[in-house]
């Protein structure tokens, strides 16, 4: 069974480089005009940080590249502990996980990408990517898409018209004798769970569903919504 997990990028990015040539699994026209004309509100920063973000976007094709799994950093990606995985686990992650990026559309972990700053909420990005991403995901002919995106990124996909079956994962915890969605610290929980998924090498959606309804040692519940 072919499973595809959809992940968001990180806002924080490693500024270093190791590659000279771009290597992408999906070739999309990039939203260059949107990126270089983004406002301070779009980029969620001001003054020097805003100017730095605009310069990154303007000069993106003159910068150097890193694999996406090395470019994206901070809490979400650090918690995956990709470097400490066995080769088998890393192969599973590289094969089954795809990042939904405001700049690139869809990115696999070993695709080499430039440094950039373009939050998905930037004006016109939803319209720019809506059809392209939806159609490309369908073209992959997966048995299931597993949505692990925050709401802002999930809105980039036309879920009502996508033909591929999909499920959405929520992370819950018990508070006041009720199960409630985790908000604070959910990034770390999500990416620790991804590490577990790779360790398990899950191949069937029924295995995913059955195991995800158990309370883990970290005292959270995984809920699968179809």
N, C-alpha and C. Protein backbone atom coordinates (compact mmCIF):
# COMPACT_ATOMS: atom_id res chain seq x y z
N UNK A 1 0.85 -1.19 0.00
CA UNK A 1 0.00 0.00 0.00
C UNK A 1 0.89 1.24 0.00
N UNK A 2 0.56 2.19 -0.87
CA UNK A 2 1.33 3.42 -0.98
C UNK A 2 0.71 4.51 -0.10
N UNK A 3 1.45 4.92 0.93
CA UNK A 3 1.00 5.96 1.85
C UNK A 3 1.84 7.21 1.64
N UNK A 4 1.19 8.36 1.62
CA UNK A 4 1.89 9.65 1.54
C UNK A 4 1.50 10.48 2.75
N UNK A 5 2.49 10.93 3.50
CA UNK A 5 2.26 11.81 4.64
C UNK A 5 2.60 13.24 4.23
N UNK A 6 1.68 14.17 4.49
CA UNK A 6 1.92 15.58 4.15
C UNK A 6 2.31 16.36 5.39
N UNK A 7 3.43 17.09 5.29
CA UNK A 7 3.99 17.85 6.40
C UNK A 7 4.15 19.31 6.02
N UNK A 8 4.13 20.22 7.00
CA UNK A 8 4.46 21.62 6.72
C UNK A 8 5.97 21.82 6.77
N UNK A 9 6.48 22.91 6.20
CA UNK A 9 7.88 23.27 6.39
C UNK A 9 8.05 23.93 7.75
N UNK A 10 9.25 24.34 8.07
CA UNK A 10 9.46 25.13 9.28
C UNK A 10 9.69 26.58 8.89
N UNK A 11 9.29 27.49 9.76
CA UNK A 11 9.58 28.91 9.52
C UNK A 11 11.08 29.18 9.63
N UNK A 12 11.73 28.50 10.60
CA UNK A 12 13.17 28.63 10.74
C UNK A 12 13.89 27.76 9.73
N UNK A 13 14.94 28.31 9.12
CA UNK A 13 15.65 27.55 8.09
C UNK A 13 17.16 27.68 8.28
N UNK A 14 17.84 26.59 8.01
CA UNK A 14 19.29 26.56 8.06
C UNK A 14 19.85 27.42 6.92
N UNK A 15 20.67 28.45 7.21
CA UNK A 15 21.16 29.34 6.14
C UNK A 15 22.35 28.79 5.36
N UNK A 16 22.89 27.65 5.79
CA UNK A 16 24.11 27.14 5.15
C UNK A 16 23.80 26.43 3.85
N UNK A 17 24.82 25.90 3.19
CA UNK A 17 24.64 25.25 1.90
C UNK A 17 25.61 24.10 1.77
N UNK A 18 25.26 23.16 0.89
CA UNK A 18 26.17 22.04 0.61
C UNK A 18 26.10 21.60 -0.85
N UNK A 19 25.10 22.11 -1.60
CA UNK A 19 24.92 21.69 -2.98
C UNK A 19 24.90 22.90 -3.91
N UNK A 20 25.27 22.67 -5.17
CA UNK A 20 25.28 23.75 -6.15
C UNK A 20 24.16 23.63 -7.17
N UNK A 21 23.56 22.47 -7.26
CA UNK A 21 22.55 22.24 -8.30
C UNK A 21 21.21 21.88 -7.67
N UNK A 22 20.16 22.53 -8.15
CA UNK A 22 18.82 22.24 -7.67
C UNK A 22 18.38 20.87 -8.18
N UNK A 23 17.76 20.11 -7.32
CA UNK A 23 17.27 18.78 -7.69
C UNK A 23 15.90 18.60 -7.03
N UNK A 24 14.84 18.68 -7.83
CA UNK A 24 13.47 18.67 -7.30
C UNK A 24 12.68 17.49 -7.86
N UNK A 25 11.87 16.89 -7.01
CA UNK A 25 10.98 15.80 -7.44
C UNK A 25 9.77 16.33 -8.21
N UNK A 26 9.35 17.56 -7.90
CA UNK A 26 8.19 18.17 -8.53
C UNK A 26 8.61 19.52 -9.10
N UNK A 27 8.35 19.73 -10.38
CA UNK A 27 8.76 20.98 -11.02
C UNK A 27 7.53 21.86 -11.20
N UNK A 28 7.44 22.90 -10.38
CA UNK A 28 6.37 23.87 -10.46
C UNK A 28 6.96 25.24 -10.82
N UNK A 29 6.15 26.07 -11.43
CA UNK A 29 6.51 27.48 -11.52
C UNK A 29 6.43 28.06 -10.12
N UNK A 30 7.49 28.73 -9.68
CA UNK A 30 7.49 29.27 -8.33
C UNK A 30 6.77 30.63 -8.27
N UNK A 31 6.17 30.95 -7.15
CA UNK A 31 5.44 32.22 -7.01
C UNK A 31 6.39 33.39 -6.76
N UNK A 32 7.28 33.63 -7.72
CA UNK A 32 8.35 34.62 -7.54
C UNK A 32 7.78 36.02 -7.29
N UNK A 33 6.83 36.45 -8.09
CA UNK A 33 6.28 37.80 -7.93
C UNK A 33 5.62 37.98 -6.57
N UNK A 34 4.93 36.95 -6.11
CA UNK A 34 4.30 37.02 -4.79
C UNK A 34 5.37 37.15 -3.72
N UNK A 35 6.46 36.39 -3.85
CA UNK A 35 7.52 36.37 -2.84
C UNK A 35 8.24 37.70 -2.73
N UNK A 36 8.58 38.31 -3.87
CA UNK A 36 9.39 39.53 -3.82
C UNK A 36 8.54 40.76 -3.51
N UNK A 37 7.21 40.64 -3.62
CA UNK A 37 6.33 41.77 -3.30
C UNK A 37 5.57 41.57 -2.00
N UNK A 38 5.99 40.60 -1.22
CA UNK A 38 5.33 40.34 0.05
C UNK A 38 5.51 41.53 1.01
N UNK A 39 4.49 41.78 1.83
CA UNK A 39 4.55 42.87 2.80
C UNK A 39 5.11 42.37 4.13
N UNK A 40 5.34 43.30 5.04
CA UNK A 40 5.78 42.92 6.39
C UNK A 40 4.76 42.01 7.05
N UNK A 41 3.48 42.29 6.83
CA UNK A 41 2.43 41.46 7.39
C UNK A 41 2.49 40.05 6.81
N UNK A 42 2.74 39.96 5.49
CA UNK A 42 2.85 38.65 4.85
C UNK A 42 3.97 37.81 5.47
N UNK A 43 5.15 38.43 5.61
CA UNK A 43 6.32 37.69 6.08
C UNK A 43 6.40 37.61 7.60
N UNK A 44 5.46 38.27 8.28
CA UNK A 44 5.36 38.19 9.75
C UNK A 44 6.64 38.67 10.44
N UNK A 45 7.25 39.71 9.90
CA UNK A 45 8.44 40.29 10.52
C UNK A 45 8.57 41.73 10.07
N UNK A 46 9.43 42.49 10.76
CA UNK A 46 9.57 43.91 10.46
C UNK A 46 11.04 44.30 10.35
N UNK A 47 11.25 45.50 9.77
CA UNK A 47 12.55 46.15 9.70
C UNK A 47 13.63 45.25 9.12
N UNK A 48 14.72 45.04 9.85
CA UNK A 48 15.85 44.30 9.30
C UNK A 48 15.47 42.87 8.91
N UNK A 49 14.65 42.22 9.72
CA UNK A 49 14.25 40.85 9.41
C UNK A 49 13.38 40.80 8.16
N UNK A 50 12.56 41.82 7.98
CA UNK A 50 11.73 41.89 6.77
C UNK A 50 12.61 42.09 5.54
N UNK A 51 13.54 43.03 5.61
CA UNK A 51 14.43 43.27 4.49
C UNK A 51 15.26 42.03 4.16
N UNK A 52 15.69 41.32 5.20
CA UNK A 52 16.45 40.09 4.99
C UNK A 52 15.61 39.06 4.23
N UNK A 53 14.33 38.93 4.64
CA UNK A 53 13.44 37.98 3.96
C UNK A 53 13.21 38.34 2.51
N UNK A 54 12.98 39.63 2.23
CA UNK A 54 12.78 40.07 0.84
C UNK A 54 14.04 39.82 0.00
N UNK A 55 15.21 40.11 0.58
CA UNK A 55 16.46 39.88 -0.15
C UNK A 55 16.67 38.39 -0.45
N UNK A 56 16.32 37.55 0.51
CA UNK A 56 16.40 36.11 0.27
C UNK A 56 15.57 35.72 -0.94
N UNK A 57 14.34 36.24 -0.99
CA UNK A 57 13.44 35.87 -2.07
C UNK A 57 13.87 36.47 -3.41
N UNK A 58 14.38 37.70 -3.40
CA UNK A 58 14.82 38.33 -4.64
C UNK A 58 16.03 37.62 -5.25
N UNK A 59 16.92 37.14 -4.39
CA UNK A 59 18.18 36.54 -4.86
C UNK A 59 18.19 35.03 -4.75
N UNK A 60 17.01 34.44 -4.70
CA UNK A 60 16.92 33.01 -4.37
C UNK A 60 17.70 32.14 -5.35
N UNK A 61 17.69 32.49 -6.63
CA UNK A 61 18.37 31.64 -7.61
C UNK A 61 19.88 31.85 -7.64
N UNK A 62 20.37 32.77 -6.84
CA UNK A 62 21.82 32.98 -6.73
C UNK A 62 22.38 32.42 -5.43
N UNK A 63 21.51 31.87 -4.60
CA UNK A 63 21.97 31.30 -3.34
C UNK A 63 22.32 29.83 -3.54
N UNK A 64 22.84 29.20 -2.50
CA UNK A 64 23.22 27.80 -2.59
C UNK A 64 22.18 26.93 -1.88
N UNK A 65 22.31 25.64 -2.08
CA UNK A 65 21.21 24.74 -1.75
C UNK A 65 21.55 23.74 -0.65
N UNK A 66 20.49 23.25 -0.03
CA UNK A 66 20.58 22.17 0.96
C UNK A 66 19.42 21.20 0.71
N UNK A 67 19.59 19.92 1.05
CA UNK A 67 18.43 19.03 1.06
C UNK A 67 17.37 19.58 2.03
N UNK A 68 16.11 19.42 1.69
CA UNK A 68 15.04 19.97 2.50
C UNK A 68 15.12 19.50 3.94
N UNK A 69 15.50 18.25 4.18
CA UNK A 69 15.55 17.74 5.54
C UNK A 69 16.63 18.44 6.35
N UNK A 70 17.61 19.07 5.68
CA UNK A 70 18.63 19.85 6.38
C UNK A 70 18.28 21.34 6.39
N UNK A 71 17.53 21.80 5.40
CA UNK A 71 17.14 23.21 5.35
C UNK A 71 16.15 23.55 6.46
N UNK A 72 15.16 22.69 6.65
CA UNK A 72 14.13 22.96 7.66
C UNK A 72 14.64 22.54 9.04
N UNK A 73 14.57 23.47 9.99
CA UNK A 73 15.13 23.22 11.32
C UNK A 73 14.14 23.67 12.40
N UNK A 74 14.63 23.72 13.63
CA UNK A 74 13.92 24.11 14.83
C UNK A 74 13.05 22.95 15.33
N UNK A 75 12.08 23.27 16.17
CA UNK A 75 11.41 22.24 16.97
C UNK A 75 10.89 21.08 16.14
N UNK A 76 10.15 21.37 15.08
CA UNK A 76 9.49 20.30 14.34
C UNK A 76 10.47 19.29 13.77
N UNK A 77 11.47 19.79 13.06
CA UNK A 77 12.37 18.88 12.36
C UNK A 77 13.46 18.32 13.28
N UNK A 78 13.84 19.07 14.30
CA UNK A 78 14.81 18.54 15.24
C UNK A 78 14.26 17.33 15.99
N UNK A 79 12.95 17.36 16.25
CA UNK A 79 12.35 16.26 17.01
C UNK A 79 12.28 14.96 16.21
N UNK A 80 12.34 15.05 14.90
CA UNK A 80 12.34 13.83 14.09
C UNK A 80 13.61 13.02 14.36
N UNK A 81 14.71 13.72 14.64
CA UNK A 81 16.01 13.08 14.85
C UNK A 81 16.38 12.23 13.64
N UNK A 82 16.29 12.83 12.45
CA UNK A 82 16.54 12.12 11.19
C UNK A 82 17.93 11.50 11.15
N UNK A 83 18.93 12.24 11.62
CA UNK A 83 20.31 11.75 11.55
C UNK A 83 20.54 10.51 12.41
N UNK A 84 19.71 10.35 13.43
CA UNK A 84 19.90 9.19 14.31
C UNK A 84 19.09 7.97 13.85
N UNK A 85 18.29 8.13 12.80
CA UNK A 85 17.52 7.00 12.29
C UNK A 85 18.43 6.00 11.59
N UNK A 86 18.00 4.76 11.56
CA UNK A 86 18.70 3.76 10.74
C UNK A 86 18.46 4.07 9.27
N UNK A 87 19.26 3.48 8.38
CA UNK A 87 19.07 3.72 6.96
C UNK A 87 17.68 3.30 6.52
N UNK A 88 17.18 2.22 7.06
CA UNK A 88 15.84 1.74 6.70
C UNK A 88 14.76 2.76 7.08
N UNK A 89 14.90 3.36 8.26
CA UNK A 89 13.94 4.37 8.70
C UNK A 89 14.02 5.61 7.81
N UNK A 90 15.26 6.04 7.52
CA UNK A 90 15.42 7.23 6.68
C UNK A 90 14.85 6.99 5.28
N UNK A 91 15.05 5.80 4.75
CA UNK A 91 14.50 5.47 3.43
C UNK A 91 12.97 5.56 3.45
N UNK A 92 12.38 5.10 4.54
CA UNK A 92 10.91 5.17 4.68
C UNK A 92 10.46 6.63 4.70
N UNK A 93 11.16 7.46 5.47
CA UNK A 93 10.82 8.88 5.55
C UNK A 93 10.98 9.55 4.18
N UNK A 94 12.10 9.32 3.52
CA UNK A 94 12.37 9.94 2.23
C UNK A 94 11.35 9.52 1.17
N UNK A 95 10.87 8.31 1.27
CA UNK A 95 9.96 7.77 0.26
C UNK A 95 8.51 8.21 0.48
N UNK A 96 8.10 8.32 1.75
CA UNK A 96 6.68 8.49 2.05
C UNK A 96 6.26 9.88 2.51
N UNK A 97 7.21 10.72 2.89
CA UNK A 97 6.86 12.03 3.45
C UNK A 97 7.13 13.13 2.42
N UNK A 98 6.17 14.06 2.32
CA UNK A 98 6.28 15.20 1.40
C UNK A 98 5.95 16.48 2.16
N UNK A 99 6.78 17.50 1.95
CA UNK A 99 6.56 18.81 2.59
C UNK A 99 5.78 19.71 1.63
N UNK A 100 4.76 20.38 2.15
CA UNK A 100 4.01 21.35 1.37
C UNK A 100 4.58 22.74 1.65
N UNK A 101 5.20 23.33 0.65
CA UNK A 101 5.95 24.58 0.80
C UNK A 101 5.30 25.72 0.04
N UNK A 102 5.24 26.89 0.65
CA UNK A 102 4.71 28.06 -0.02
C UNK A 102 5.53 28.47 -1.23
N UNK A 103 6.83 28.22 -1.21
CA UNK A 103 7.71 28.59 -2.32
C UNK A 103 7.79 27.49 -3.38
N UNK A 104 7.85 26.23 -2.96
CA UNK A 104 8.11 25.14 -3.89
C UNK A 104 6.89 24.30 -4.25
N UNK A 105 5.81 24.43 -3.51
CA UNK A 105 4.65 23.57 -3.74
C UNK A 105 4.79 22.28 -2.96
N UNK A 106 5.43 21.29 -3.54
CA UNK A 106 5.66 20.00 -2.89
C UNK A 106 7.14 19.67 -2.95
N UNK A 107 7.69 19.21 -1.82
CA UNK A 107 9.12 18.95 -1.71
C UNK A 107 9.34 17.62 -0.98
N UNK A 108 10.17 16.77 -1.54
CA UNK A 108 10.57 15.56 -0.83
C UNK A 108 11.80 15.84 0.03
N UNK A 109 12.02 15.04 1.08
CA UNK A 109 13.09 15.35 2.04
C UNK A 109 14.47 15.53 1.44
N UNK A 110 14.80 14.80 0.37
CA UNK A 110 16.14 14.90 -0.20
C UNK A 110 16.21 15.86 -1.39
N UNK A 111 15.12 16.52 -1.73
CA UNK A 111 15.17 17.57 -2.75
C UNK A 111 16.06 18.70 -2.25
N UNK A 112 16.90 19.23 -3.10
CA UNK A 112 17.75 20.36 -2.70
C UNK A 112 17.03 21.66 -3.00
N UNK A 113 16.95 22.52 -1.99
CA UNK A 113 16.18 23.75 -2.11
C UNK A 113 16.98 24.94 -1.60
N UNK A 114 16.60 26.13 -2.08
CA UNK A 114 17.21 27.36 -1.63
C UNK A 114 16.65 27.80 -0.29
N UNK A 115 17.33 28.75 0.32
CA UNK A 115 16.81 29.40 1.51
C UNK A 115 15.79 30.46 1.07
N UNK A 116 14.69 30.59 1.80
CA UNK A 116 13.63 31.53 1.42
C UNK A 116 12.78 31.86 2.64
N UNK A 117 11.90 32.84 2.50
CA UNK A 117 10.94 33.15 3.56
C UNK A 117 9.61 33.47 2.90
N UNK A 118 8.66 32.56 3.02
CA UNK A 118 7.35 32.76 2.38
C UNK A 118 6.28 31.96 3.10
N UNK A 119 5.71 32.50 4.20
CA UNK A 119 4.63 31.81 4.91
C UNK A 119 3.45 31.53 3.98
N UNK A 120 2.77 30.44 4.22
CA UNK A 120 1.68 30.02 3.34
C UNK A 120 0.51 31.00 3.36
N UNK A 121 0.38 31.82 4.41
CA UNK A 121 -0.72 32.77 4.49
C UNK A 121 -0.50 34.01 3.61
N UNK A 122 0.66 34.11 2.97
CA UNK A 122 0.95 35.27 2.12
C UNK A 122 -0.15 35.42 1.07
N UNK A 123 -0.59 36.65 0.85
CA UNK A 123 -1.70 36.93 -0.06
C UNK A 123 -1.46 36.35 -1.45
N UNK A 124 -2.48 35.71 -1.99
CA UNK A 124 -2.53 35.10 -3.32
C UNK A 124 -1.89 33.71 -3.38
N UNK A 125 -1.19 33.26 -2.34
CA UNK A 125 -0.55 31.94 -2.42
C UNK A 125 -1.57 30.81 -2.51
N UNK A 126 -2.67 30.91 -1.77
CA UNK A 126 -3.68 29.84 -1.83
C UNK A 126 -4.20 29.68 -3.25
N UNK A 127 -4.51 30.79 -3.89
CA UNK A 127 -5.01 30.75 -5.26
C UNK A 127 -3.94 30.22 -6.20
N UNK A 128 -2.69 30.60 -5.98
CA UNK A 128 -1.58 30.17 -6.84
C UNK A 128 -1.42 28.65 -6.81
N UNK A 129 -1.51 28.03 -5.62
CA UNK A 129 -1.19 26.62 -5.47
C UNK A 129 -2.40 25.69 -5.52
N UNK A 130 -3.59 26.20 -5.35
CA UNK A 130 -4.81 25.39 -5.12
C UNK A 130 -4.94 24.23 -6.11
N UNK A 131 -5.01 24.52 -7.40
CA UNK A 131 -5.21 23.47 -8.40
C UNK A 131 -3.95 22.64 -8.61
N UNK A 132 -2.79 23.30 -8.63
CA UNK A 132 -1.55 22.59 -8.92
C UNK A 132 -1.25 21.49 -7.91
N UNK A 133 -1.35 21.82 -6.64
CA UNK A 133 -1.03 20.84 -5.61
C UNK A 133 -2.06 19.73 -5.58
N UNK A 134 -3.34 20.07 -5.69
CA UNK A 134 -4.40 19.06 -5.67
C UNK A 134 -4.21 18.07 -6.81
N UNK A 135 -3.98 18.56 -8.02
CA UNK A 135 -3.82 17.69 -9.18
C UNK A 135 -2.56 16.83 -9.08
N UNK A 136 -1.48 17.42 -8.57
CA UNK A 136 -0.23 16.66 -8.45
C UNK A 136 -0.36 15.54 -7.44
N UNK A 137 -1.00 15.81 -6.32
CA UNK A 137 -1.20 14.76 -5.32
C UNK A 137 -2.01 13.60 -5.90
N UNK A 138 -3.05 13.92 -6.66
CA UNK A 138 -3.83 12.85 -7.29
C UNK A 138 -3.00 12.06 -8.28
N UNK A 139 -2.08 12.73 -8.97
CA UNK A 139 -1.28 12.05 -9.99
C UNK A 139 -0.30 11.04 -9.39
N UNK A 140 -0.04 11.13 -8.09
CA UNK A 140 0.89 10.21 -7.45
C UNK A 140 0.28 8.82 -7.24
N UNK A 141 -1.03 8.74 -7.37
CA UNK A 141 -1.76 7.47 -7.28
C UNK A 141 -1.47 6.73 -5.97
N UNK A 142 -1.47 7.47 -4.89
CA UNK A 142 -1.31 6.86 -3.57
C UNK A 142 -2.60 6.16 -3.16
N UNK A 143 -2.47 5.18 -2.29
CA UNK A 143 -3.67 4.55 -1.75
C UNK A 143 -4.33 5.45 -0.70
N UNK A 144 -3.50 6.18 0.05
CA UNK A 144 -4.01 7.13 1.04
C UNK A 144 -3.05 8.29 1.18
N UNK A 145 -3.60 9.48 1.37
CA UNK A 145 -2.85 10.64 1.82
C UNK A 145 -3.14 10.85 3.28
N UNK A 146 -2.11 11.03 4.08
CA UNK A 146 -2.26 11.23 5.52
C UNK A 146 -1.90 12.68 5.82
N UNK A 147 -2.90 13.46 6.18
CA UNK A 147 -2.77 14.90 6.37
C UNK A 147 -2.27 15.19 7.77
N UNK A 148 -1.03 15.67 7.88
CA UNK A 148 -0.46 16.09 9.15
C UNK A 148 -0.14 17.58 9.12
N UNK A 149 -0.91 18.32 8.31
CA UNK A 149 -0.67 19.74 8.12
C UNK A 149 -1.46 20.57 9.13
N UNK A 150 -0.90 21.73 9.55
CA UNK A 150 -1.73 22.69 10.29
C UNK A 150 -2.79 23.25 9.35
N UNK A 151 -3.83 23.84 9.92
CA UNK A 151 -4.96 24.30 9.13
C UNK A 151 -4.59 25.25 8.02
N UNK A 152 -3.62 26.14 8.26
CA UNK A 152 -3.24 27.13 7.24
C UNK A 152 -2.69 26.44 5.99
N UNK A 153 -1.93 25.37 6.16
CA UNK A 153 -1.37 24.66 5.01
C UNK A 153 -2.40 23.73 4.37
N UNK A 154 -3.26 23.14 5.17
CA UNK A 154 -4.28 22.23 4.63
C UNK A 154 -5.22 22.96 3.68
N UNK A 155 -5.39 24.27 3.87
CA UNK A 155 -6.29 25.04 3.00
C UNK A 155 -5.74 25.21 1.59
N UNK A 156 -4.50 24.82 1.36
CA UNK A 156 -3.91 24.91 0.03
C UNK A 156 -4.40 23.79 -0.88
N UNK A 157 -5.08 22.80 -0.33
CA UNK A 157 -5.53 21.63 -1.09
C UNK A 157 -7.05 21.64 -1.21
N UNK A 158 -7.55 21.31 -2.38
CA UNK A 158 -8.99 21.23 -2.63
C UNK A 158 -9.48 19.84 -2.20
N UNK A 159 -9.70 19.68 -0.91
CA UNK A 159 -10.03 18.37 -0.35
C UNK A 159 -11.36 17.83 -0.87
N UNK A 160 -12.28 18.70 -1.22
CA UNK A 160 -13.60 18.23 -1.69
C UNK A 160 -13.51 17.56 -3.05
N UNK A 161 -12.51 17.94 -3.82
CA UNK A 161 -12.41 17.41 -5.18
C UNK A 161 -11.20 16.50 -5.40
N UNK A 162 -10.42 16.26 -4.38
CA UNK A 162 -9.29 15.35 -4.54
C UNK A 162 -9.83 13.92 -4.61
N UNK A 163 -9.29 13.16 -5.53
CA UNK A 163 -9.81 11.80 -5.75
C UNK A 163 -9.15 10.77 -4.84
N UNK A 164 -7.95 11.05 -4.39
CA UNK A 164 -7.22 10.11 -3.53
C UNK A 164 -7.84 10.07 -2.14
N UNK A 165 -8.12 8.88 -1.59
CA UNK A 165 -8.61 8.80 -0.21
C UNK A 165 -7.61 9.43 0.75
N UNK A 166 -8.11 10.07 1.80
CA UNK A 166 -7.20 10.70 2.76
C UNK A 166 -7.76 10.60 4.17
N UNK A 167 -6.87 10.72 5.12
CA UNK A 167 -7.25 10.81 6.54
C UNK A 167 -6.49 11.97 7.15
N UNK A 168 -7.03 12.51 8.21
CA UNK A 168 -6.41 13.64 8.92
C UNK A 168 -6.09 13.19 10.35
N UNK A 169 -4.92 13.58 10.82
CA UNK A 169 -4.49 13.18 12.16
C UNK A 169 -4.61 14.35 13.12
N UNK A 170 -5.25 14.12 14.25
CA UNK A 170 -5.29 15.08 15.34
C UNK A 170 -4.57 14.50 16.56
N UNK A 171 -3.91 15.36 17.31
CA UNK A 171 -3.21 14.95 18.53
C UNK A 171 -4.01 15.47 19.72
N UNK A 172 -4.42 14.56 20.58
CA UNK A 172 -5.30 14.90 21.69
C UNK A 172 -4.64 14.56 23.01
N UNK A 173 -5.07 15.24 24.07
CA UNK A 173 -4.62 14.93 25.41
C UNK A 173 -5.80 15.03 26.37
N UNK A 174 -5.71 14.35 27.49
CA UNK A 174 -6.83 14.35 28.45
C UNK A 174 -6.70 15.52 29.41
N UNK A 175 -7.73 16.38 29.44
CA UNK A 175 -7.80 17.50 30.36
C UNK A 175 -9.22 17.59 30.91
N UNK A 176 -9.29 17.67 32.24
CA UNK A 176 -10.60 17.75 32.89
C UNK A 176 -11.49 16.59 32.48
N UNK A 177 -10.88 15.40 32.40
CA UNK A 177 -11.58 14.16 32.07
C UNK A 177 -12.17 14.17 30.66
N UNK A 178 -11.64 15.02 29.79
CA UNK A 178 -12.06 15.04 28.40
C UNK A 178 -10.83 15.04 27.49
N UNK A 179 -10.99 14.45 26.31
CA UNK A 179 -9.92 14.50 25.32
C UNK A 179 -10.04 15.79 24.51
N UNK A 180 -8.96 16.58 24.51
CA UNK A 180 -8.97 17.85 23.80
C UNK A 180 -7.73 17.94 22.90
N UNK A 181 -7.86 18.68 21.81
CA UNK A 181 -6.77 18.82 20.86
C UNK A 181 -5.59 19.54 21.52
N UNK A 182 -4.39 19.02 21.30
CA UNK A 182 -3.19 19.65 21.81
C UNK A 182 -2.88 20.90 20.98
N UNK A 183 -2.63 21.99 21.65
CA UNK A 183 -2.23 23.22 20.97
C UNK A 183 -0.78 23.57 21.34
N UNK A 184 -0.52 23.78 22.61
CA UNK A 184 0.84 24.11 23.06
C UNK A 184 1.72 22.87 22.99
N UNK A 185 2.82 22.98 22.26
CA UNK A 185 3.77 21.88 22.17
C UNK A 185 3.41 20.82 21.13
N UNK A 186 2.39 21.10 20.29
CA UNK A 186 1.96 20.07 19.34
C UNK A 186 3.04 19.76 18.30
N UNK A 187 3.89 20.74 17.97
CA UNK A 187 4.93 20.48 16.96
C UNK A 187 5.87 19.39 17.43
N UNK A 188 6.30 19.47 18.67
CA UNK A 188 7.22 18.46 19.19
C UNK A 188 6.54 17.09 19.24
N UNK A 189 5.28 17.06 19.69
CA UNK A 189 4.54 15.81 19.75
C UNK A 189 4.41 15.20 18.36
N UNK A 190 4.05 16.03 17.38
CA UNK A 190 3.85 15.55 16.01
C UNK A 190 5.12 14.94 15.45
N UNK A 191 6.24 15.60 15.67
CA UNK A 191 7.45 15.13 15.03
C UNK A 191 8.09 13.97 15.78
N UNK A 192 7.84 13.85 17.08
CA UNK A 192 8.24 12.64 17.79
C UNK A 192 7.42 11.46 17.27
N UNK A 193 6.16 11.73 16.98
CA UNK A 193 5.31 10.66 16.45
C UNK A 193 5.78 10.22 15.06
N UNK A 194 6.23 11.17 14.26
CA UNK A 194 6.77 10.84 12.94
C UNK A 194 7.98 9.92 13.07
N UNK A 195 8.82 10.21 14.05
CA UNK A 195 9.97 9.33 14.31
C UNK A 195 9.48 7.91 14.60
N UNK A 196 8.40 7.80 15.37
CA UNK A 196 7.83 6.48 15.67
C UNK A 196 7.29 5.81 14.41
N UNK A 197 6.62 6.59 13.55
CA UNK A 197 6.09 6.03 12.30
C UNK A 197 7.20 5.41 11.46
N UNK A 198 8.32 6.11 11.35
CA UNK A 198 9.43 5.60 10.56
C UNK A 198 10.01 4.34 11.19
N UNK A 199 10.07 4.33 12.51
CA UNK A 199 10.56 3.16 13.22
C UNK A 199 9.67 1.96 12.94
N UNK A 200 8.35 2.21 12.85
CA UNK A 200 7.39 1.11 12.65
C UNK A 200 7.31 0.66 11.20
N UNK A 201 7.75 1.51 10.27
CA UNK A 201 7.71 1.18 8.84
C UNK A 201 6.32 0.75 8.40
N UNK A 202 5.30 1.51 8.81
CA UNK A 202 3.92 1.14 8.53
C UNK A 202 3.65 1.10 7.04
N UNK A 203 2.97 0.07 6.60
CA UNK A 203 2.69 -0.12 5.18
C UNK A 203 1.20 -0.16 4.87
N UNK A 204 0.35 -0.20 5.88
CA UNK A 204 -1.08 -0.36 5.67
C UNK A 204 -1.85 0.63 6.52
N UNK A 205 -2.86 1.27 5.94
CA UNK A 205 -3.62 2.28 6.65
C UNK A 205 -4.35 1.71 7.86
N UNK A 206 -4.72 0.43 7.81
CA UNK A 206 -5.41 -0.18 8.94
C UNK A 206 -4.47 -0.32 10.14
N UNK A 207 -3.19 -0.57 9.88
CA UNK A 207 -2.22 -0.61 10.98
C UNK A 207 -2.06 0.77 11.60
N UNK A 208 -2.03 1.76 10.78
CA UNK A 208 -1.91 3.15 11.25
C UNK A 208 -3.07 3.48 12.18
N UNK A 209 -4.27 3.18 11.74
CA UNK A 209 -5.46 3.53 12.50
C UNK A 209 -5.52 2.79 13.83
N UNK A 210 -5.23 1.48 13.81
CA UNK A 210 -5.34 0.71 15.03
C UNK A 210 -4.35 1.13 16.10
N UNK A 211 -3.12 1.42 15.71
CA UNK A 211 -2.09 1.75 16.68
C UNK A 211 -2.19 3.20 17.17
N UNK A 212 -2.83 4.04 16.39
CA UNK A 212 -2.83 5.45 16.72
C UNK A 212 -3.87 5.83 17.76
N UNK A 213 -4.71 4.89 18.15
CA UNK A 213 -5.74 5.22 19.13
C UNK A 213 -5.33 4.84 20.55
N UNK A 214 -4.08 4.49 20.72
CA UNK A 214 -3.58 4.15 22.04
C UNK A 214 -2.93 5.37 22.69
N UNK A 215 -3.01 5.43 24.02
CA UNK A 215 -2.31 6.49 24.74
C UNK A 215 -0.84 6.10 24.87
N UNK A 216 0.04 7.01 24.48
CA UNK A 216 1.47 6.71 24.49
C UNK A 216 2.08 7.06 25.84
N UNK A 217 3.38 6.84 25.96
CA UNK A 217 4.10 7.18 27.18
C UNK A 217 4.08 8.69 27.44
N UNK A 218 3.93 9.46 26.38
CA UNK A 218 3.87 10.92 26.51
C UNK A 218 2.46 11.41 26.84
N UNK A 219 1.55 10.49 27.06
CA UNK A 219 0.19 10.81 27.48
C UNK A 219 -0.56 11.66 26.47
N UNK A 220 -0.54 11.21 25.22
CA UNK A 220 -1.40 11.83 24.22
C UNK A 220 -2.06 10.74 23.39
N UNK A 221 -3.15 11.08 22.77
CA UNK A 221 -3.92 10.15 21.96
C UNK A 221 -3.85 10.62 20.51
N UNK A 222 -3.71 9.69 19.60
CA UNK A 222 -3.71 10.01 18.18
C UNK A 222 -5.07 9.64 17.62
N UNK A 223 -5.75 10.60 17.04
CA UNK A 223 -7.08 10.37 16.49
C UNK A 223 -7.03 10.49 14.96
N UNK A 224 -7.55 9.50 14.28
CA UNK A 224 -7.54 9.48 12.83
C UNK A 224 -8.94 9.80 12.33
N UNK A 225 -9.07 10.84 11.50
CA UNK A 225 -10.36 11.26 10.98
C UNK A 225 -10.37 11.06 9.48
N UNK A 226 -11.33 10.30 8.98
CA UNK A 226 -11.43 10.05 7.54
C UNK A 226 -12.55 10.88 6.94
